[in-house]
Amino acid sequence: MAWGDSDYSGGEEASGGTEAPEWIPFSTTLVVRPPGLVGLLMGILSLTPFAVLVGFVTLIFFRRDLHTIFFLVGLLLNTVMNMILKPVIAQDRPDYNEHLRRYHGNSVSYGMPSHHSQFMWFFCFYMILFLMFRVKSVVPRGSGETAARQRWMYALFLLGAGASYSRVYLGYHTMEQVVVGAFVGSLFASAWFYIMQHYLSPCFLKILCHPSWVVRAEQLVEKTRESLNGHAAGDLFYHERRKPAHDWQGEKQAGKALFDDGTNTFFWRAHTLTVLFIILMVLVHVAIFEPENPDTDYNAKRGLVAMVLCFVLFGSTVMPDGPFSRPHPAFWRMAFSFSFIYELSLIFLLFQTPNDARKLLKHLDPSVGVPLEEKSYGGNCRIYDTDTPEDPYHNFWDKMDLFVPLHFFGWMLKTLILRDWWICTVLSISFELLEYTFEHQLPNFSECWWDHWILDALLCNGLGIYVGIQVLNFFSLRTYYWRGLWNIPTYRGKLKRIIAQFGPHSWIDFEWKPTTSLGRWFFMLNIIMLFSLGELNSFYLKYVLWIPPDNRLNAMRLVFMLLWGAVAIRETFQYLDDPECQKFGRQSWMLVTIVFTEFLLVLKCGWETVTKPLPWHIGLFWSVGFAGLLGWSLYNFLLRPKMYARYRASHDASSRVSISQEEIAKKVT
């Protein structure tokens, strides 16, 4: 039953003069679905061809299996056949209803046969034949694998049927069009499977054993080893002559002993041509085959998302690797690409007026752009309130919100990033002091004393730091020995190896030693300042830009800041500890720029809030604190070494005088 003929049955019915529910676009794709759970399911099933294509690209990217490549070739030939059959048969689609016509217009292609149905049935029927004839030959009858194979065949049949029916349910095709598409796709899948079995598969071994491919594989192995062992050098800013806390040379030598079983050669390649081909094919589809949408707002958002995704793919492919290799260097290259995009977005907002910046964010997300009612946690600070006998602990329970577990997990992750109990404790206490300092500017900072020091500093932050230290001890004591995935004989071992891919490849204990030199002390103070400023930016940005605390923009920023901070701290430690590291890290440079730009944006959009004068006792407290910090720094790194040098000189002189007097006395006697 097509949508152009009757009402849908999966959502709310329009009866009794009530308006029919508004149809909404499914994300940024071409599928328009009705509201409701059934409409959502049909929209997802209609998008399964995209998931299949992503799966093919992923398999080819990670395996380079010739059978998978030619399977995709057959799928593309099936698509070409559909493009030829549609204008030959020239049967129109069912009449679009008003919801579909709003997003697709009146200019649509022919509908016989259905491309989605032909595409999915080619894939499903080919996989069914593969399970019947290829897998059957290696699995004995009556085994558990046979039952699993049959379940997979039923699942593939249901997937093809569901994807085909979704096109009828959503009104894009008639039942006849999807049935013909399923028949053509299954028929072509049978023919392509026969060609693969009898003509193409016997040639695969000859292709792989060709001398040119063998030489090329050896060259890739050598290039991979060279790229893993390479190390950039630059101008030296400040390094002291000392013994490093970590054996950097040993780590480099260990990398040279890397054994390659085939996975490293493939996984560590950039695959630039593959990514280029994918990007170009998507752009060709958008420019030529995709129907135009008259909605300017919708097109602008799609174009913005496409621009970001293209840049992220470009950065993940061609940017140099960072210090982390797990789960994959491309993941951290992607994170760095997002940091670059985020910094550009901050710079763009910095050039807008505060109202225009809020309107721009509201245009991207309608839930923002409304003045916030900040929640104050202060006021009545009695833990047991006798004035409310029905609920005397209401003050305590009012403060037990979502931010309590977020505090715990946040400080646990910060401990994993900094890998130092002393720095984390200083940061925890300093932020509580900052909340006291700026509670006259942000009501959210107004808390009870027990909320500051017992619930936050001691329980949430303290327990998070403790758990983080225990996790650090586990990683530090662990022995890291890696085997290639294909060298592990058991499936259990392979699964454990895949899970371990998301853990560290090796471990470095960060021995910051902040008081050993003026340079390290300066860097540690800057790290503490940047961390504290980044924490304050989280609260001030949502306040001045009118972003609700539970908005996804805040969560996305915090997740990315943790990823960027992990890389930046690792780069900073190596810059301080490794005498041969002569260049400040890329992610460290970018993170410093982001934090400072966020602070400038807060100043511009919330000048009246930020410039509220500090209470005199708060100003006096910080003045005494900074004076004490400056005095201790001057004493410890300037006066104390000179005093010790004078003491040593006078002590050596007195020792020489006493020795000479003893020698004279011996000569006289």
Foldseek 3Di string as FASTA:
>chain_A
DFVLPDPADADDDDDDPRDDDAWDCDPLDLAIFRDHDVRVVLSVLLCVVVVVVVVLLVCCLQPVDPVSVVLVVLLVVLLVVVVVVQVVVVAAFRDDDPNSCQFQNDDDGHPAAPSQLLSLLLVLLLLLVCLVPVVPVVDDPPDPVVVVSVVSNVVSVVSSVSNLVSCRSRRGHPPVNSVRSNVSSNVSSVVSSVCCVPPVVVCPVVVCPDVVNVVVLVVLVVVLLCLQLDDDFDAADDADPDAFPDDPVVVSVVSNPDDCPPSSSSQQALPVVSLVVVLVVVVCCVVPVGRDGPDPLSVVVVVVVNVLVVQLSVQLRPPRFFPAQFLHSSVLSSLLSVLVVLLVVLVVLLPDALLVSLVVVCSVPVVFSDADDADALADDPDCQQPVDVVCRRVSVVVPPDPVLLVLQQLLLLVCLQQLDLVLLLVLLVVLLLVLVFQCVLGNNSHHDPCCNPPSRNCPRNVNSNVVSNVVLVVQQPDDADDDDLVPDDDPVVNVVNSVCSNPGNHDDRQPLPQLPALVSVVVSVVVSVLVSLVVVLLVLVCNLSGPDPPDVVSVVVSVSLSSLSSSQSVQVSCSHRPPRHRDRDPSVVSSVSSSVSSVSSSCRSPVVSVPPDTPPVSVVVVVVVVVVVVVVSCCSHPVVVVVVVVVVVVVVVVVVVVVVVVVVVVVVD
